[in-house]
Protein backbone atom coordinates (compact mmCIF):
# COMPACT_ATOMS: atom_id res chain seq x y z
CA MET A 1 -22.77 -18.36 48.54
CA ARG A 2 -19.34 -18.86 47.35
CA ASP A 3 -17.60 -15.65 45.03
CA LEU A 4 -16.81 -17.46 41.27
CA ARG A 5 -14.96 -14.10 40.59
CA PRO A 6 -11.06 -14.28 39.69
CA PRO A 7 -8.60 -13.29 42.54
CA LEU A 8 -7.56 -9.56 42.08
CA GLY A 9 -3.90 -10.26 41.63
CA LEU A 10 -4.70 -12.67 39.03
CA SER A 11 -6.83 -9.91 37.02
CA ARG A 12 -3.71 -7.44 37.23
CA ARG A 13 -1.48 -10.09 35.87
CA ARG A 14 -3.38 -10.61 32.92
CA CYS A 15 -3.53 -6.71 32.68
CA VAL A 16 0.13 -6.35 32.68
CA LEU A 17 0.36 -9.35 30.37
CA ALA A 18 -1.75 -7.84 27.66
CA LEU A 19 -0.36 -4.20 28.03
CA GLY A 20 3.44 -5.95 27.72
CA CYS A 21 1.94 -7.84 24.49
CA VAL A 22 0.57 -4.76 23.11
CA GLY A 23 3.85 -3.06 23.71
CA VAL A 24 5.83 -5.63 22.17
CA ALA A 25 3.43 -5.87 18.83
CA ALA A 26 3.80 -1.68 18.69
CA ALA A 27 7.75 -2.07 18.93
CA THR A 28 7.82 -4.33 16.32
CA ALA A 29 5.46 -2.57 13.92
CA LEU A 30 7.91 0.55 14.25
CA VAL A 31 10.84 -1.34 13.46
CA VAL A 32 8.98 -3.20 10.31
CA ALA A 33 7.95 0.72 9.27
CA ALA A 34 11.08 2.20 9.99
CA THR A 35 12.52 -0.86 7.63
CA VAL A 36 9.99 -0.34 4.98
CA PHE A 37 9.89 3.35 4.91
CA SER A 38 13.85 4.39 5.18
CA GLY A 39 13.49 5.89 1.96
CA THR A 40 14.82 2.82 -0.29
CA ASN A 41 12.39 1.68 -2.29
CA PRO A 42 14.14 -0.96 -4.41
CA VAL A 43 11.39 -0.88 -7.11
CA GLN A 44 10.85 2.37 -9.05
CA LEU A 45 8.16 3.63 -11.22
CA PRO A 46 8.53 6.63 -13.66
CA ASN A 47 6.94 9.57 -12.95
CA ILE A 48 6.22 8.39 -9.43
CA THR A 49 8.97 9.18 -7.11
CA PRO A 50 10.27 7.95 -3.91
CA SER A 51 8.92 10.91 -1.82
CA ILE A 52 5.17 10.66 -3.23
CA LEU A 53 5.21 6.63 -2.57
CA GLN A 54 6.47 7.71 0.98
CA ALA A 55 4.15 10.28 1.42
CA SER A 56 1.23 8.14 0.01
CA GLY A 57 1.90 5.48 2.51
CA VAL A 58 3.47 3.01 -0.34
CA ALA A 59 6.31 0.99 -0.46
CA LEU A 60 7.15 -1.32 -3.34
CA GLY A 61 9.76 -3.85 -2.80
CA GLU A 62 10.95 -7.26 -4.37
CA PRO A 63 8.22 -9.72 -4.42
CA GLN A 64 8.14 -12.65 -2.19
CA ALA A 65 6.75 -14.88 -4.78
CA SER A 66 6.33 -15.87 -8.60
CA PRO A 67 3.18 -13.97 -9.67
CA PRO A 68 0.23 -16.14 -10.28
CA MET A 69 -1.20 -13.76 -13.11
CA SER A 70 0.41 -12.72 -16.10
CA GLN A 71 1.59 -9.26 -16.86
CA ALA A 72 -0.45 -9.04 -19.78
CA ALA A 73 -3.79 -10.07 -17.62
CA ALA A 74 -3.06 -7.53 -15.17
CA THR A 75 -2.28 -4.94 -17.74
CA ALA A 76 -5.71 -5.50 -19.24
CA ILE A 77 -7.30 -5.09 -15.67
CA ALA A 78 -5.23 -1.90 -14.83
CA THR A 79 -5.85 -0.23 -18.36
CA ASN A 80 -9.52 -0.51 -18.37
CA ALA A 81 -10.86 0.46 -14.43
CA PRO A 82 -12.05 1.90 -12.58
CA SER A 83 -12.71 4.92 -14.62
CA GLY A 84 -13.74 3.12 -17.81
CA LYS A 85 -11.21 5.25 -19.80
CA ALA A 86 -8.08 3.31 -20.93
CA SER A 87 -4.79 4.34 -19.91
CA VAL A 88 -1.54 3.72 -21.39
CA VAL A 89 1.09 1.73 -19.51
CA LEU A 90 4.10 3.63 -18.72
CA GLN A 91 5.94 0.70 -16.43
CA ALA A 92 4.52 -2.41 -15.21
CA GLN A 93 6.31 -3.95 -12.13
CA TYR A 94 5.56 -7.05 -9.95
CA ALA A 95 6.48 -6.03 -6.41
CA HIS A 96 6.00 -6.42 -2.81
CA CYS A 97 3.36 -3.97 -1.97
CA ILE A 98 2.70 -2.19 1.56
CA VAL A 99 0.38 0.50 1.62
CA THR A 100 -0.45 1.79 5.44
CA ASN A 101 -2.79 4.04 4.53
CA ALA A 102 -5.32 1.69 2.89
CA VAL A 103 -8.30 0.09 4.63
CA PRO A 104 -7.30 -2.55 5.18
CA PRO A 105 -3.94 -2.07 5.20
CA ILE A 106 -2.23 -3.71 2.02
CA ASP A 107 0.72 -6.14 2.43
CA GLN A 108 1.05 -8.70 -0.19
CA ASP A 109 2.59 -9.05 -3.87
CA CYS A 110 0.99 -7.38 -6.41
CA TRP A 111 1.01 -5.82 -9.76
CA ALA A 112 2.29 -2.04 -9.73
CA PHE A 113 1.16 0.30 -12.92
CA SER A 114 2.55 3.48 -13.80
CA LEU A 115 -0.18 4.64 -15.90
CA ASP A 116 -0.17 7.80 -18.15
CA PRO A 117 -2.11 10.49 -16.17
CA ASN A 118 -3.11 12.61 -19.39
CA GLY A 119 -6.80 13.63 -18.77
CA VAL A 120 -7.09 12.75 -15.05
CA LEU A 121 -7.73 15.79 -13.86
CA MET A 122 -7.74 16.58 -9.49
CA PRO A 123 -11.05 17.06 -7.98
CA LEU A 124 -12.33 20.38 -7.34
CA THR A 125 -9.37 22.49 -8.46
CA THR A 126 -9.15 20.55 -11.97
CA THR A 127 -5.71 20.66 -12.01
CA PRO A 128 -4.07 18.05 -14.29
CA ALA A 129 -2.46 15.20 -12.46
CA THR A 130 1.30 14.31 -12.60
CA TYR A 131 1.34 10.71 -11.79
CA LEU A 132 -1.27 7.60 -11.81
CA LEU A 133 -0.62 4.46 -9.86
CA ARG A 134 -2.86 1.49 -9.79
CA LEU A 135 -2.12 -1.87 -7.67
CA VAL A 136 -3.47 -5.02 -8.83
CA ASP A 137 -4.02 -8.15 -6.87
CA PRO A 138 -2.49 -10.93 -8.86
CA THR A 139 -4.72 -13.76 -7.65
CA THR A 140 -8.29 -12.01 -7.68
CA GLY A 141 -7.65 -9.12 -10.18
CA LYS A 142 -8.85 -6.61 -8.13
CA ILE A 143 -7.57 -3.37 -8.21
CA LEU A 144 -6.08 -2.67 -4.66
CA LEU A 145 -5.00 0.78 -5.09
CA ASN A 146 -6.11 3.57 -7.47
CA GLN A 147 -4.16 6.63 -6.60
CA PHE A 148 -3.37 9.84 -9.15
CA GLY A 149 -1.93 13.07 -7.98
CA VAL A 150 0.30 16.23 -8.40
CA GLU A 151 3.69 16.07 -7.49
CA PRO A 152 4.54 18.83 -5.05
CA ALA A 153 6.92 21.65 -6.29
CA THR A 154 10.19 21.17 -5.17
CA PRO A 155 11.56 24.36 -3.41
């Protein structure tokens, strides 16, 4: 009977090649992350500091294409969801949005909204939120991120 398993040397070569590819991918991801989160967010939103964005894994940069959805349409989506309470827009910006903490991660152009957090309370502590960020997918109209919180006190 003939042995159909590949020679042991070929199997090791495949493992080395696979590990090499994983290493290259990891190095590339680190370079991209260092570039994205280098502290330079070209898109700024009021009441949401760059340090809050960075701590949340959010980077807002220059968009890669023109928006397929108007600002008015995206605003209607952002201000009426998901809590059911209408929110006042402090600023809307079309940007390239990268959110590494999202599942799955977000890496696309989107409408970013800084909304008035008045009336939004933190769970458990009932501390009033100091910022409210919503990201809207300009193609589907889906809310990609609805995040609120309290900016940490500066020492």
